[in-house]
Amino acid sequence: MLSPTKLADAFERVTDYWSPKVIGQVNDQLLKAAKLKGELVWHAHEGQDELFYIVKGSLRIEFENDIVDLQQGDFLTVPSGVRHNPVAQEECWVLLIEPASTKHTGEESTPRTRSLEEQLS
């Protein structure tokens, strides 16, 4: 039997900043809940677009030649191969939608990088 999921409840599973949790799937796209604070790392996803939907708070996404500020209710798709760096001054809740093959921090490896297995736990 199918049953709905409350988005706020899905965020209860997220206990660490920059550690997304997979909360659903649509075909080969994963839906991930993440809590962000501070900055991640400059990175890109070759071959995959990445959608950021701001559930709570605000997020600044730095690009090499631009900055985009997102507020609650906004979404932005970062195209494949575009280097970006997410920055949250205060706690921000983000719903990410991206292909299952997307690496958390692209080809960059940092202490904040999470494997798909960690995101599924």
N, C-alpha and C. Protein backbone atom coordinates (compact mmCIF):
# COMPACT_ATOMS: atom_id res chain seq x y z
N MET A 1 0.84 -1.17 0.00
CA MET A 1 0.00 0.00 0.00
C MET A 1 0.89 1.25 0.00
N LEU A 2 0.52 2.22 -0.77
CA LEU A 2 1.25 3.48 -0.83
C LEU A 2 0.81 4.40 0.30
N SER A 3 1.77 5.11 0.86
CA SER A 3 1.43 6.07 1.90
C SER A 3 2.30 7.32 1.74
N PRO A 4 1.76 8.46 2.11
CA PRO A 4 2.51 9.71 1.94
C PRO A 4 3.63 9.82 2.98
N THR A 5 4.58 10.67 2.66
CA THR A 5 5.67 11.00 3.59
C THR A 5 5.61 12.51 3.83
N LYS A 6 5.67 12.89 5.08
CA LYS A 6 5.74 14.31 5.41
C LYS A 6 7.19 14.74 5.28
N LEU A 7 7.42 15.80 4.50
CA LEU A 7 8.77 16.27 4.25
C LEU A 7 9.47 16.64 5.56
N ALA A 8 8.76 17.29 6.48
CA ALA A 8 9.36 17.66 7.76
C ALA A 8 9.84 16.43 8.53
N ASP A 9 9.08 15.34 8.45
CA ASP A 9 9.49 14.10 9.11
C ASP A 9 10.76 13.53 8.48
N ALA A 10 10.89 13.65 7.17
CA ALA A 10 12.08 13.15 6.48
C ALA A 10 13.33 13.87 6.98
N PHE A 11 13.20 15.16 7.30
CA PHE A 11 14.35 15.92 7.78
C PHE A 11 14.77 15.51 9.18
N GLU A 12 13.91 14.82 9.93
CA GLU A 12 14.29 14.33 11.25
C GLU A 12 15.40 13.28 11.16
N ARG A 13 15.51 12.59 10.03
CA ARG A 13 16.56 11.59 9.83
C ARG A 13 17.93 12.23 9.64
N VAL A 14 17.95 13.52 9.29
CA VAL A 14 19.20 14.21 9.01
C VAL A 14 19.75 14.79 10.30
N THR A 15 20.85 14.24 10.78
CA THR A 15 21.40 14.66 12.07
C THR A 15 22.70 15.46 11.93
N ASP A 16 23.35 15.41 10.77
CA ASP A 16 24.61 16.12 10.57
C ASP A 16 24.51 17.03 9.36
N TYR A 17 25.14 18.21 9.48
CA TYR A 17 25.19 19.11 8.35
C TYR A 17 26.00 18.48 7.21
N TRP A 18 25.59 18.78 5.99
CA TRP A 18 26.26 18.33 4.76
C TRP A 18 26.26 16.82 4.61
N SER A 19 25.31 16.15 5.23
CA SER A 19 25.22 14.69 5.14
C SER A 19 23.81 14.31 4.66
N PRO A 20 23.56 14.42 3.34
CA PRO A 20 22.23 14.17 2.80
C PRO A 20 21.74 12.74 3.06
N LYS A 21 20.44 12.61 3.18
CA LYS A 21 19.80 11.29 3.33
C LYS A 21 18.81 11.10 2.19
N VAL A 22 18.89 9.95 1.55
CA VAL A 22 17.94 9.64 0.48
C VAL A 22 16.58 9.37 1.11
N ILE A 23 15.56 10.11 0.64
CA ILE A 23 14.22 9.97 1.20
C ILE A 23 13.20 9.49 0.18
N GLY A 24 13.63 9.34 -1.07
CA GLY A 24 12.72 8.87 -2.11
C GLY A 24 13.43 8.73 -3.43
N GLN A 25 12.71 8.17 -4.39
CA GLN A 25 13.27 7.97 -5.72
C GLN A 25 12.15 8.07 -6.76
N VAL A 26 12.45 8.73 -7.87
CA VAL A 26 11.57 8.79 -9.02
C VAL A 26 12.40 8.37 -10.22
N ASN A 27 12.13 7.20 -10.74
CA ASN A 27 12.94 6.62 -11.81
C ASN A 27 14.40 6.61 -11.36
N ASP A 28 15.32 7.21 -12.09
CA ASP A 28 16.73 7.19 -11.67
C ASP A 28 17.13 8.44 -10.89
N GLN A 29 16.16 9.26 -10.49
CA GLN A 29 16.42 10.47 -9.72
C GLN A 29 16.19 10.20 -8.23
N LEU A 30 17.17 10.59 -7.40
CA LEU A 30 17.01 10.46 -5.96
C LEU A 30 16.57 11.78 -5.36
N LEU A 31 15.71 11.70 -4.36
CA LEU A 31 15.31 12.85 -3.56
C LEU A 31 16.07 12.74 -2.25
N LYS A 32 16.80 13.82 -1.90
CA LYS A 32 17.64 13.79 -0.72
C LYS A 32 17.32 14.98 0.17
N ALA A 33 17.21 14.71 1.47
CA ALA A 33 17.04 15.78 2.46
C ALA A 33 18.41 16.08 3.04
N ALA A 34 18.75 17.37 3.13
CA ALA A 34 20.04 17.76 3.69
C ALA A 34 19.87 19.01 4.54
N LYS A 35 20.61 19.05 5.63
CA LYS A 35 20.71 20.26 6.45
C LYS A 35 22.10 20.82 6.21
N LEU A 36 22.16 22.11 5.92
CA LEU A 36 23.42 22.74 5.58
C LEU A 36 23.72 23.89 6.54
N LYS A 37 24.99 24.07 6.83
CA LYS A 37 25.45 25.24 7.59
C LYS A 37 26.94 25.37 7.34
N GLY A 38 27.37 26.59 7.01
CA GLY A 38 28.75 26.81 6.61
C GLY A 38 28.87 26.63 5.11
N GLU A 39 30.05 26.20 4.65
CA GLU A 39 30.20 25.98 3.21
C GLU A 39 30.71 24.57 2.95
N LEU A 40 30.41 24.07 1.77
CA LEU A 40 30.78 22.70 1.40
C LEU A 40 32.17 22.73 0.77
N VAL A 41 32.24 22.75 -0.55
CA VAL A 41 33.50 22.78 -1.29
C VAL A 41 33.16 23.11 -2.74
N TRP A 42 34.08 23.78 -3.42
CA TRP A 42 33.89 24.00 -4.85
C TRP A 42 33.94 22.65 -5.55
N HIS A 43 32.92 22.39 -6.38
CA HIS A 43 32.87 21.11 -7.09
C HIS A 43 31.91 21.21 -8.27
N ALA A 44 31.92 20.19 -9.10
CA ALA A 44 30.99 20.09 -10.24
C ALA A 44 30.57 18.63 -10.37
N HIS A 45 29.45 18.43 -11.05
CA HIS A 45 28.95 17.08 -11.33
C HIS A 45 28.93 16.91 -12.84
N GLU A 46 29.88 16.18 -13.35
CA GLU A 46 29.95 15.96 -14.79
C GLU A 46 28.87 14.97 -15.22
N GLY A 47 28.01 15.40 -16.13
CA GLY A 47 26.97 14.51 -16.66
C GLY A 47 25.68 14.49 -15.87
N GLN A 48 25.60 15.27 -14.78
CA GLN A 48 24.37 15.28 -13.98
C GLN A 48 24.00 16.71 -13.59
N ASP A 49 22.73 17.05 -13.77
CA ASP A 49 22.19 18.28 -13.23
C ASP A 49 21.84 18.02 -11.76
N GLU A 50 21.73 19.09 -10.98
CA GLU A 50 21.40 18.97 -9.56
C GLU A 50 20.41 20.07 -9.20
N LEU A 51 19.27 19.69 -8.62
CA LEU A 51 18.25 20.67 -8.24
C LEU A 51 18.29 20.89 -6.74
N PHE A 52 18.34 22.17 -6.33
CA PHE A 52 18.27 22.58 -4.93
C PHE A 52 16.91 23.23 -4.71
N TYR A 53 16.11 22.70 -3.78
CA TYR A 53 14.85 23.32 -3.37
C TYR A 53 14.98 23.69 -1.90
N ILE A 54 14.79 24.95 -1.57
CA ILE A 54 14.98 25.43 -0.20
C ILE A 54 13.68 25.24 0.59
N VAL A 55 13.75 24.33 1.55
CA VAL A 55 12.59 24.02 2.39
C VAL A 55 12.51 24.98 3.57
N LYS A 56 13.66 25.33 4.13
CA LYS A 56 13.70 26.20 5.30
C LYS A 56 15.03 26.96 5.29
N GLY A 57 14.98 28.24 5.58
CA GLY A 57 16.21 29.03 5.63
C GLY A 57 16.58 29.62 4.28
N SER A 58 17.88 29.87 4.11
CA SER A 58 18.36 30.44 2.85
C SER A 58 19.72 29.83 2.51
N LEU A 59 20.06 29.91 1.23
CA LEU A 59 21.30 29.32 0.74
C LEU A 59 21.87 30.21 -0.34
N ARG A 60 23.16 30.41 -0.27
CA ARG A 60 23.89 31.13 -1.31
C ARG A 60 24.67 30.08 -2.09
N ILE A 61 24.53 30.10 -3.40
CA ILE A 61 25.34 29.21 -4.23
C ILE A 61 26.29 30.08 -5.03
N GLU A 62 27.57 29.89 -4.78
CA GLU A 62 28.60 30.64 -5.48
C GLU A 62 28.96 29.90 -6.76
N PHE A 63 29.08 30.66 -7.82
CA PHE A 63 29.54 30.14 -9.11
C PHE A 63 30.80 30.91 -9.48
N GLU A 64 31.53 30.43 -10.45
CA GLU A 64 32.79 31.07 -10.80
C GLU A 64 32.60 32.53 -11.21
N ASN A 65 31.47 32.86 -11.84
CA ASN A 65 31.24 34.24 -12.30
C ASN A 65 29.93 34.82 -11.80
N ASP A 66 29.35 34.23 -10.74
CA ASP A 66 28.04 34.68 -10.29
C ASP A 66 27.79 34.16 -8.88
N ILE A 67 26.80 34.72 -8.23
CA ILE A 67 26.30 34.25 -6.94
C ILE A 67 24.79 34.28 -7.02
N VAL A 68 24.14 33.21 -6.55
CA VAL A 68 22.68 33.16 -6.51
C VAL A 68 22.25 32.93 -5.07
N ASP A 69 21.40 33.82 -4.57
CA ASP A 69 20.85 33.68 -3.22
C ASP A 69 19.45 33.08 -3.33
N LEU A 70 19.24 32.00 -2.60
CA LEU A 70 17.96 31.29 -2.60
C LEU A 70 17.31 31.43 -1.23
N GLN A 71 16.00 31.66 -1.24
CA GLN A 71 15.22 31.78 -0.01
C GLN A 71 14.23 30.61 0.06
N GLN A 72 13.62 30.44 1.22
CA GLN A 72 12.63 29.38 1.40
C GLN A 72 11.61 29.41 0.27
N GLY A 73 11.38 28.26 -0.35
CA GLY A 73 10.43 28.14 -1.45
C GLY A 73 11.06 28.27 -2.82
N ASP A 74 12.31 28.74 -2.90
CA ASP A 74 13.01 28.87 -4.18
C ASP A 74 13.65 27.54 -4.57
N PHE A 75 13.82 27.36 -5.87
CA PHE A 75 14.63 26.25 -6.34
C PHE A 75 15.50 26.70 -7.48
N LEU A 76 16.60 25.97 -7.66
CA LEU A 76 17.56 26.28 -8.71
C LEU A 76 18.17 24.98 -9.20
N THR A 77 18.25 24.84 -10.52
CA THR A 77 18.94 23.69 -11.09
C THR A 77 20.33 24.11 -11.52
N VAL A 78 21.34 23.43 -10.99
CA VAL A 78 22.72 23.67 -11.38
C VAL A 78 23.02 22.70 -12.52
N PRO A 79 23.32 23.23 -13.70
CA PRO A 79 23.56 22.36 -14.85
C PRO A 79 24.82 21.50 -14.71
N SER A 80 24.83 20.41 -15.40
CA SER A 80 25.97 19.50 -15.43
C SER A 80 27.26 20.25 -15.73
N GLY A 81 28.31 19.92 -14.98
CA GLY A 81 29.63 20.47 -15.23
C GLY A 81 29.89 21.86 -14.71
N VAL A 82 28.89 22.52 -14.11
CA VAL A 82 29.07 23.88 -13.62
C VAL A 82 29.63 23.83 -12.19
N ARG A 83 30.81 24.42 -12.00
CA ARG A 83 31.42 24.46 -10.67
C ARG A 83 30.61 25.39 -9.77
N HIS A 84 30.36 24.90 -8.55
CA HIS A 84 29.57 25.66 -7.59
C HIS A 84 30.01 25.34 -6.17
N ASN A 85 29.65 26.23 -5.26
CA ASN A 85 29.97 26.06 -3.85
C ASN A 85 28.78 26.55 -3.03
N PRO A 86 28.02 25.64 -2.42
CA PRO A 86 26.90 26.05 -1.57
C PRO A 86 27.39 26.60 -0.23
N VAL A 87 26.77 27.70 0.24
CA VAL A 87 27.14 28.33 1.50
C VAL A 87 25.86 28.71 2.24
N ALA A 88 25.75 28.27 3.49
CA ALA A 88 24.59 28.62 4.33
C ALA A 88 25.10 29.30 5.60
N GLN A 89 24.75 30.56 5.79
CA GLN A 89 25.18 31.29 6.99
C GLN A 89 24.54 30.71 8.25
N GLU A 90 23.28 30.33 8.13
CA GLU A 90 22.53 29.71 9.22
C GLU A 90 22.00 28.37 8.71
N GLU A 91 21.46 27.56 9.62
CA GLU A 91 20.95 26.25 9.19
C GLU A 91 19.93 26.40 8.07
N CYS A 92 20.09 25.59 7.05
CA CYS A 92 19.21 25.60 5.88
C CYS A 92 18.81 24.16 5.58
N TRP A 93 17.54 23.95 5.28
CA TRP A 93 17.05 22.63 4.89
C TRP A 93 16.84 22.63 3.39
N VAL A 94 17.43 21.67 2.72
CA VAL A 94 17.39 21.59 1.26
C VAL A 94 16.90 20.23 0.82
N LEU A 95 16.01 20.23 -0.15
CA LEU A 95 15.63 19.01 -0.86
C LEU A 95 16.44 19.00 -2.15
N LEU A 96 17.26 17.98 -2.32
CA LEU A 96 18.07 17.83 -3.53
C LEU A 96 17.41 16.79 -4.42
N ILE A 97 17.41 17.04 -5.71
CA ILE A 97 16.94 16.06 -6.68
C ILE A 97 18.04 15.91 -7.70
N GLU A 98 18.56 14.68 -7.81
CA GLU A 98 19.69 14.43 -8.70
C GLU A 98 19.74 12.96 -9.08
N PRO A 99 20.40 12.63 -10.20
CA PRO A 99 20.52 11.23 -10.59
C PRO A 99 21.22 10.40 -9.51
N ALA A 100 20.86 9.14 -9.43
CA ALA A 100 21.47 8.25 -8.44
C ALA A 100 22.98 8.16 -8.61
N SER A 101 23.48 8.40 -9.80
CA SER A 101 24.92 8.30 -10.07
C SER A 101 25.71 9.53 -9.64
N THR A 102 25.04 10.57 -9.15
CA THR A 102 25.71 11.81 -8.78
C THR A 102 26.57 11.62 -7.54
N LYS A 103 27.84 11.97 -7.65
CA LYS A 103 28.73 11.92 -6.50
C LYS A 103 28.51 13.17 -5.66
N HIS A 104 28.47 13.00 -4.35
CA HIS A 104 28.15 14.08 -3.41
C HIS A 104 28.94 15.35 -3.68
N THR A 105 30.25 15.26 -3.80
CA THR A 105 31.07 16.44 -4.05
C THR A 105 31.84 16.28 -5.36
N GLY A 106 31.20 15.68 -6.36
CA GLY A 106 31.84 15.50 -7.65
C GLY A 106 33.13 14.72 -7.51
N GLU A 107 34.19 15.20 -8.13
CA GLU A 107 35.48 14.52 -8.04
C GLU A 107 36.32 15.03 -6.87
N GLU A 108 35.78 15.99 -6.10
CA GLU A 108 36.49 16.49 -4.92
C GLU A 108 36.22 15.56 -3.74
N SER A 109 37.23 15.36 -2.92
CA SER A 109 37.08 14.52 -1.74
C SER A 109 37.47 15.33 -0.51
N THR A 110 36.53 15.46 0.42
CA THR A 110 36.78 16.21 1.66
C THR A 110 36.22 15.39 2.82
N PRO A 111 36.50 15.79 4.05
CA PRO A 111 35.90 15.09 5.19
C PRO A 111 34.36 15.13 5.18
N ARG A 112 33.78 16.07 4.44
CA ARG A 112 32.31 16.17 4.36
C ARG A 112 31.72 15.30 3.24
N THR A 113 32.55 14.75 2.38
CA THR A 113 32.05 13.93 1.27
C THR A 113 31.38 12.68 1.82
N ARG A 114 30.18 12.38 1.30
CA ARG A 114 29.43 11.21 1.73
C ARG A 114 29.18 10.30 0.53
N SER A 115 29.39 9.00 0.76
CA SER A 115 29.14 8.01 -0.29
C SER A 115 27.62 7.80 -0.44
N LEU A 116 27.22 7.19 -1.53
CA LEU A 116 25.80 6.88 -1.71
C LEU A 116 25.32 5.95 -0.60
N GLU A 117 26.16 5.01 -0.18
CA GLU A 117 25.78 4.09 0.90
C GLU A 117 25.48 4.87 2.18
N GLU A 118 26.31 5.87 2.48
CA GLU A 118 26.06 6.68 3.68
C GLU A 118 24.77 7.47 3.52
N GLN A 119 24.47 7.93 2.33
CA GLN A 119 23.27 8.71 2.10
C GLN A 119 22.01 7.84 2.17
N LEU A 120 22.17 6.56 1.90
CA LEU A 120 21.03 5.63 1.97
C LEU A 120 20.74 5.14 3.39
N SER A 121 21.69 5.32 4.31
CA SER A 121 21.53 4.79 5.67
C SER A 121 20.58 5.63 6.49
